[in-house]
C-alpha atoms as a PDB file:
ATOM      1  CA  MET A   1      -0.001  -0.002   0.002  1.00  0.00           C
ATOM      2  CA  ASN A   2       1.261   3.448  -0.887  1.00  0.00           C
ATOM      3  CA  LYS A   3       2.089   5.969   1.827  1.00  0.00           C
ATOM      4  CA  ILE A   4       1.528   9.734   1.826  1.00  0.00           C
ATOM      5  CA  ILE A   5       4.086  11.968   3.535  1.00  0.00           C
ATOM      6  CA  GLU A   6       3.472  15.667   4.228  1.00  0.00           C
ATOM      7  CA  ILE A   7       5.471  18.051   6.372  1.00  0.00           C
ATOM      8  CA  PRO A   8       3.682  18.714   9.705  1.00  0.00           C
ATOM      9  CA  PHE A   9       2.669  22.334   9.135  1.00  0.00           C
ATOM     10  CA  ILE A  10       0.859  24.427   6.530  1.00  0.00           C
ATOM     11  CA  ILE A  11       2.754  26.020   3.647  1.00  0.00           C
ATOM     12  CA  PRO A  12       0.743  28.934   2.187  1.00  0.00           C
ATOM     13  CA  PHE A  13       0.534  29.418  -1.573  1.00  0.00           C
ATOM     14  CA  TYR A  14       1.707  32.664  -3.196  1.00  0.00           C
ATOM     15  CA  THR A  15       1.664  33.664  -6.842  1.00  0.00           C
ATOM     16  CA  GLN A  16       4.269  35.534  -8.836  1.00  0.00           C
ATOM     17  CA  ARG A  17       1.508  37.049 -10.972  1.00  0.00           C
ATOM     18  CA  VAL A  18       1.154  40.856 -10.836  1.00  0.00           C
ATOM     19  CA  THR A  19      -1.844  42.814 -12.138  1.00  0.00           C
ATOM     20  CA  GLU A  20      -3.024  46.421 -12.308  1.00  0.00           C
ATOM     21  CA  GLU A  21      -5.142  45.674  -9.255  1.00  0.00           C
ATOM     22  CA  SER A  22      -2.476  43.871  -7.197  1.00  0.00           C
ATOM     23  CA  TRP A  23       0.856  45.642  -7.713  1.00  0.00           C
ATOM     24  CA  LYS A  24       0.570  47.978  -4.721  1.00  0.00           C
ATOM     25  CA  ALA A  25      -0.607  45.269  -2.318  1.00  0.00           C
ATOM     26  CA  ASP A  26       2.228  43.087  -3.649  1.00  0.00           C
ATOM     27  CA  GLY A  27       4.782  45.633  -2.436  1.00  0.00           C
ATOM     28  CA  PHE A  28       5.957  47.059  -5.751  1.00  0.00           C
ATOM     29  CA  SER A  29       6.704  50.753  -6.185  1.00  0.00           C
ATOM     30  CA  ASP A  30       4.582  50.934  -9.343  1.00  0.00           C
ATOM     31  CA  LEU A  31       2.898  48.717 -11.938  1.00  0.00           C
ATOM     32  CA  GLN A  32       5.908  48.856 -14.236  1.00  0.00           C
ATOM     33  CA  GLU A  33       8.200  47.410 -11.574  1.00  0.00           C
ATOM     34  CA  GLY A  34       5.719  44.670 -10.811  1.00  0.00           C
ATOM     35  CA  MET A  35       5.218  43.705 -14.444  1.00  0.00           C
ATOM     36  CA  SER A  36       8.966  43.656 -15.044  1.00  0.00           C
ATOM     37  CA  TRP A  37       9.401  41.068 -12.299  1.00  0.00           C
ATOM     38  CA  GLN A  38       6.369  38.824 -12.625  1.00  0.00           C
ATOM     39  CA  MET A  39       8.097  36.524 -15.155  1.00  0.00           C
ATOM     40  CA  ARG A  40      11.122  36.238 -12.859  1.00  0.00           C
ATOM     41  CA  GLY A  41       9.426  36.098  -9.483  1.00  0.00           C
ATOM     42  CA  CYS A  42       9.227  32.326  -8.904  1.00  0.00           C
ATOM     43  CA  GLY A  43      12.224  32.163  -6.557  1.00  0.00           C
ATOM     44  CA  ILE A  44      10.904  34.852  -4.248  1.00  0.00           C
ATOM     45  CA  ALA A  45       7.306  33.601  -4.338  1.00  0.00           C
ATOM     46  CA  SER A  46       8.574  30.131  -3.383  1.00  0.00           C
ATOM     47  CA  LEU A  47      10.883  31.482  -0.685  1.00  0.00           C
ATOM     48  CA  ARG A  48       8.041  33.491   0.853  1.00  0.00           C
ATOM     49  CA  MET A  49       5.826  30.395   0.957  1.00  0.00           C
ATOM     50  CA  ILE A  50       8.437  28.456   2.907  1.00  0.00           C
ATOM     51  CA  ILE A  51       9.467  31.273   5.257  1.00  0.00           C
ATOM     52  CA  ASP A  52       5.847  32.113   6.066  1.00  0.00           C
ATOM     53  CA  GLY A  53       5.050  28.459   6.653  1.00  0.00           C
ATOM     54  CA  PHE A  54       7.645  28.373   9.426  1.00  0.00           C
ATOM     55  CA  LEU A  55       6.678  31.810  10.792  1.00  0.00           C
ATOM     56  CA  GLN A  56       2.957  31.099  10.858  1.00  0.00           C
ATOM     57  CA  ARG A  57       3.554  27.819  12.676  1.00  0.00           C
ATOM     58  CA  GLU A  58       5.108  29.888  15.476  1.00  0.00           C
ATOM     59  CA  GLY A  59       2.445  32.583  15.393  1.00  0.00           C
ATOM     60  CA  LYS A  60       4.887  35.183  14.053  1.00  0.00           C
ATOM     61  CA  PRO A  61       4.201  37.888  11.438  1.00  0.00           C
ATOM     62  CA  CYS A  62       4.825  36.971   7.817  1.00  0.00           C
ATOM     63  CA  CYS A  63       7.842  38.135   5.866  1.00  0.00           C
ATOM     64  CA  GLU A  64       7.714  41.091   3.488  1.00  0.00           C
ATOM     65  CA  LYS A  65       5.611  41.254   0.340  1.00  0.00           C
ATOM     66  CA  GLN A  66       6.733  40.044  -3.083  1.00  0.00           C
ATOM     67  CA  GLY A  67       8.153  43.356  -4.351  1.00  0.00           C
ATOM     68  CA  GLU A  68       9.869  44.133  -1.078  1.00  0.00           C
ATOM     69  CA  MET A  69      11.481  40.694  -0.930  1.00  0.00           C
ATOM     70  CA  ILE A  70      12.642  40.997  -4.537  1.00  0.00           C
ATOM     71  CA  ARG A  71      14.375  44.278  -3.705  1.00  0.00           C
ATOM     72  CA  LYS A  72      15.939  42.672  -0.650  1.00  0.00           C
ATOM     73  CA  GLY A  73      17.172  39.789  -2.791  1.00  0.00           C
ATOM     74  CA  LEU A  74      18.691  42.201  -5.309  1.00  0.00           C
ATOM     75  CA  SER A  75      20.516  44.088  -2.555  1.00  0.00           C
ATOM     76  CA  ARG A  76      21.993  40.794  -1.374  1.00  0.00           C
ATOM     77  CA  GLU A  77      22.959  39.738  -4.908  1.00  0.00           C
ATOM     78  CA  ALA A  78      20.709  36.684  -4.707  1.00  0.00           C
ATOM     79  CA  TYR A  79      19.662  37.341  -8.306  1.00  0.00           C
ATOM     80  CA  LYS A  80      22.046  37.209 -11.268  1.00  0.00           C
ATOM     81  CA  PRO A  81      20.861  38.753 -14.565  1.00  0.00           C
ATOM     82  CA  GLY A  82      20.773  36.186 -17.327  1.00  0.00           C
ATOM     83  CA  VAL A  83      20.928  33.348 -14.803  1.00  0.00           C
ATOM     84  CA  GLY A  84      18.118  33.905 -12.337  1.00  0.00           C
ATOM     85  CA  TRP A  85      17.763  33.382  -8.609  1.00  0.00           C
ATOM     86  CA  ILE A  86      20.853  31.888  -6.976  1.00  0.00           C
ATOM     87  CA  HIS A  87      20.016  28.966  -4.710  1.00  0.00           C
ATOM     88  CA  GLN A  88      22.646  29.814  -2.116  1.00  0.00           C
ATOM     89  CA  GLY A  89      21.472  33.422  -2.097  1.00  0.00           C
ATOM     90  CA  LEU A  90      17.874  32.372  -1.445  1.00  0.00           C
ATOM     91  CA  ALA A  91      19.021  30.039   1.327  1.00  0.00           C
ATOM     92  CA  GLU A  92      20.937  32.874   2.970  1.00  0.00           C
ATOM     93  CA  MET A  93      17.918  35.187   2.738  1.00  0.00           C
ATOM     94  CA  ALA A  94      15.891  32.676   4.769  1.00  0.00           C
ATOM     95  CA  GLU A  95      18.356  32.885   7.661  1.00  0.00           C
ATOM     96  CA  GLU A  96      17.087  36.360   8.576  1.00  0.00           C
ATOM     97  CA  TYR A  97      13.757  34.758   9.500  1.00  0.00           C
ATOM     98  CA  GLY A  98      15.171  31.914  11.565  1.00  0.00           C
ATOM     99  CA  VAL A  99      14.978  29.397   8.712  1.00  0.00           C
ATOM    100  CA  SER A 100      18.027  27.445   7.579  1.00  0.00           C
ATOM    101  CA  GLY A 101      18.403  26.558   3.908  1.00  0.00           C
ATOM    102  CA  GLU A 102      20.903  24.164   2.350  1.00  0.00           C
ATOM    103  CA  ALA A 103      21.397  24.088  -1.426  1.00  0.00           C
ATOM    104  CA  HIS A 104      22.024  20.750  -3.175  1.00  0.00           C
ATOM    105  CA  ARG A 105      23.030  19.917  -6.739  1.00  0.00           C
ATOM    106  CA  GLY A 106      22.883  16.782  -8.868  1.00  0.00           C
ATOM    107  CA  LYS A 107      20.397  14.931  -6.642  1.00  0.00           C
ATOM    108  CA  LYS A 108      17.493  12.584  -7.332  1.00  0.00           C
ATOM    109  CA  ALA A 109      13.809  12.320  -6.452  1.00  0.00           C
ATOM    110  CA  GLN A 110      14.605   9.933  -3.607  1.00  0.00           C
ATOM    111  CA  ASP A 111      16.818  12.573  -1.968  1.00  0.00           C
ATOM    112  CA  VAL A 112      13.916  15.026  -2.002  1.00  0.00           C
ATOM    113  CA  ALA A 113      11.609  12.382  -0.535  1.00  0.00           C
ATOM    114  CA  VAL A 114      14.044  11.763   2.332  1.00  0.00           C
ATOM    115  CA  ALA A 115      14.055  15.478   3.194  1.00  0.00           C
ATOM    116  CA  LEU A 116      10.256  15.599   3.142  1.00  0.00           C
ATOM    117  CA  GLY A 117      10.119  12.539   5.363  1.00  0.00           C
ATOM    118  CA  ALA A 118      12.220  14.479   7.875  1.00  0.00           C
ATOM    119  CA  GLY A 119       9.639  17.297   7.865  1.00  0.00           C
ATOM    120  CA  LYS A 120      11.724  19.647   5.686  1.00  0.00           C
ATOM    121  CA  PRO A 121      10.039  21.490   2.787  1.00  0.00           C
ATOM    122  CA  CYS A 122      12.092  21.908  -0.383  1.00  0.00           C
ATOM    123  CA  MET A 123      12.390  24.423  -3.199  1.00  0.00           C
ATOM    124  CA  LEU A 124      12.955  22.606  -6.502  1.00  0.00           C
ATOM    125  CA  SER A 125      14.408  23.656  -9.835  1.00  0.00           C
ATOM    126  CA  VAL A 126      12.045  22.195 -12.458  1.00  0.00           C
ATOM    127  CA  SER A 127      10.729  22.910 -15.933  1.00  0.00           C
ATOM    128  CA  PRO A 128       7.907  25.465 -15.967  1.00  0.00           C
ATOM    129  CA  ARG A 129       4.567  23.631 -15.601  1.00  0.00           C
ATOM    130  CA  PHE A 130       6.585  20.410 -15.249  1.00  0.00           C
ATOM    131  CA  ALA A 131       6.703  20.367 -19.040  1.00  0.00           C
ATOM    132  CA  GLY A 132      10.142  18.749 -19.305  1.00  0.00           C
ATOM    133  CA  GLY A 133      10.499  16.868 -22.595  1.00  0.00           C
ATOM    134  CA  LYS A 134       7.313  18.348 -24.042  1.00  0.00           C
ATOM    135  CA  PRO A 135       7.512  20.702 -27.055  1.00  0.00           C
ATOM    136  CA  ASP A 136       7.207  24.446 -26.626  1.00  0.00           C
ATOM    137  CA  ASP A 137       5.397  26.712 -29.120  1.00  0.00           C
ATOM    138  CA  ASN A 138       8.312  26.327 -31.525  1.00  0.00           C
ATOM    139  CA  GLY A 139       8.409  22.557 -31.243  1.00  0.00           C
ATOM    140  CA  VAL A 140      11.566  22.547 -29.108  1.00  0.00           C
ATOM    141  CA  PRO A 141      11.385  20.206 -26.081  1.00  0.00           C
ATOM    142  CA  TYR A 142      11.588  21.861 -22.678  1.00  0.00           C
ATOM    143  CA  GLY A 143      14.759  21.049 -20.772  1.00  0.00           C
ATOM    144  CA  LYS A 144      15.051  20.393 -17.065  1.00  0.00           C
ATOM    145  CA  GLY A 145      15.010  23.302 -14.601  1.00  0.00           C
ATOM    146  CA  GLY A 146      14.470  27.002 -15.101  1.00  0.00           C
ATOM    147  CA  HIS A 147      11.600  27.444 -12.661  1.00  0.00           C
ATOM    148  CA  LEU A 148      11.397  27.280  -8.852  1.00  0.00           C
ATOM    149  CA  VAL A 149       8.524  25.597  -6.982  1.00  0.00           C
ATOM    150  CA  VAL A 150       7.851  24.311  -3.472  1.00  0.00           C
ATOM    151  CA  THR A 151       7.287  20.674  -2.541  1.00  0.00           C
ATOM    152  CA  TYR A 152       5.972  19.727   0.870  1.00  0.00           C
ATOM    153  CA  GLY A 153       4.726  16.174   0.404  1.00  0.00           C
ATOM    154  CA  CYS A 154       5.122  12.981  -1.583  1.00  0.00           C
ATOM    155  CA  GLU A 155       3.591   9.579  -2.173  1.00  0.00           C
ATOM    156  CA  LEU A 156       5.770   6.491  -1.688  1.00  0.00           C
ATOM    157  CA  ASP A 157       5.138   3.002  -3.023  1.00  0.00           C
ATOM    158  CA  GLY A 158       5.674  -0.203  -1.069  1.00  0.00           C
ATOM    159  CA  ALA A 159       9.408  -0.052  -1.758  1.00  0.00           C
ATOM    160  CA  GLU A 160       9.604   3.471  -0.312  1.00  0.00           C
ATOM    161  CA  GLU A 161      10.192   4.950  -3.774  1.00  0.00           C
ATOM    162  CA  PRO A 162       8.432   8.236  -4.629  1.00  0.00           C
ATOM    163  CA  VAL A 163       5.627   7.946  -7.154  1.00  0.00           C
ATOM    164  CA  ALA A 164       4.320  11.551  -6.914  1.00  0.00           C
ATOM    165  CA  PHE A 165       5.154  14.883  -5.286  1.00  0.00           C
ATOM    166  CA  LEU A 166       2.824  17.486  -3.767  1.00  0.00           C
ATOM    167  CA  VAL A 167       3.804  20.974  -4.935  1.00  0.00           C
ATOM    168  CA  HIS A 168       2.895  24.652  -4.909  1.00  0.00           C
ATOM    169  CA  HIS A 169       3.640  25.862  -8.463  1.00  0.00           C
ATOM    170  CA  PRO A 170       3.628  29.682  -8.766  1.00  0.00           C
ATOM    171  CA  SER A 171       3.295  31.337 -12.164  1.00  0.00           C
ATOM    172  CA  CYS A 172       2.774  34.682 -13.826  1.00  0.00           C
ATOM    173  CA  PHE A 173      -0.077  33.029 -15.776  1.00  0.00           C
ATOM    174  CA  LEU A 174      -3.336  32.644 -13.877  1.00  0.00           C
ATOM    175  CA  GLU A 175      -4.048  29.153 -15.203  1.00  0.00           C
ATOM    176  CA  TYR A 176      -0.657  27.794 -14.126  1.00  0.00           C
ATOM    177  CA  ASN A 177      -0.883  28.856 -10.494  1.00  0.00           C
ATOM    178  CA  TRP A 178      -1.222  25.391  -8.981  1.00  0.00           C
ATOM    179  CA  ALA A 179      -1.689  25.113  -5.239  1.00  0.00           C
ATOM    180  CA  ALA A 180      -1.502  21.660  -3.610  1.00  0.00           C
ATOM    181  CA  HIS A 181      -0.910  20.002  -6.987  1.00  0.00           C
ATOM    182  CA  TRP A 182       0.224  16.377  -7.345  1.00  0.00           C
ATOM    183  CA  ILE A 183       2.948  15.705  -9.937  1.00  0.00           C
ATOM    184  CA  PRO A 184       3.377  12.099 -11.154  1.00  0.00           C
ATOM    185  CA  ILE A 185       6.920  10.790 -10.912  1.00  0.00           C
ATOM    186  CA  GLU A 186       7.301  10.537 -14.697  1.00  0.00           C
ATOM    187  CA  GLU A 187       6.690  14.273 -15.114  1.00  0.00           C
ATOM    188  CA  PHE A 188       8.891  14.969 -12.106  1.00  0.00           C
ATOM    189  CA  HIS A 189      11.833  13.027 -13.542  1.00  0.00           C
ATOM    190  CA  ALA A 190      11.471  14.754 -16.922  1.00  0.00           C
ATOM    191  CA  SER A 191      11.483  18.218 -15.325  1.00  0.00           C
ATOM    192  CA  PHE A 192      13.636  18.083 -12.161  1.00  0.00           C
ATOM    193  CA  SER A 193      17.148  19.460 -12.713  1.00  0.00           C
ATOM    194  CA  GLY A 194      18.570  17.702  -9.651  1.00  0.00           C
ATOM    195  CA  ASN A 195      19.063  21.033  -7.877  1.00  0.00           C
ATOM    196  CA  TYR A 196      17.043  22.015  -4.825  1.00  0.00           C
ATOM    197  CA  ILE A 197      17.127  23.729  -1.417  1.00  0.00           C
ATOM    198  CA  VAL A 198      16.138  21.994   1.819  1.00  0.00           C
ATOM    199  CA  PHE A 199      14.719  24.188   4.585  1.00  0.00           C
ATOM    200  CA  GLN A 200      14.366  23.676   8.316  1.00  0.00           C
ATOM    201  CA  LYS A 201      14.099  25.735  11.479  1.00  0.00           C
ATOM    202  CA  SER A 202      17.485  27.281  12.327  1.00  0.00           C
END
């Protein structure tokens, strides 16, 4: 019989989508700033989900809003133009909120499952929409990685091998904002770059 594992506290879902109605509440200085970052906001949206999950468990106030956290990340050089959000930089940002992050490279699904089994949520580098191997609009298959999401649960088979992961998938597109979404292991393998960050209470 398969077994479901989830970390023992709630991880909220946040989007990276910015609209004319939301930019101010999202902490951006103006609509232009918000729109310029919505395509690149996955790392901060995912980081905020994890930080606030830990903070809310302790009854503490949430971290800053999306725009404010992006500016904080830029000041700490956690974002590299042309590359994206740096995993180590995101992990170091979490430390300010009493959350420890450890970046890993070249790992497998089983490694992620072990972390989840220990009650540690993870931020994964995956293909957008878990579309790894599927053709884009130009017919070119999506590679692995390029987008950051949160996983906080998984399903294991009788041999303790993961068969699906429970994720929060932020997006700048309304229809691809997936909260509490199960990803089959085949799609996970095709999309997971092997790079991720494990988080726990400092």
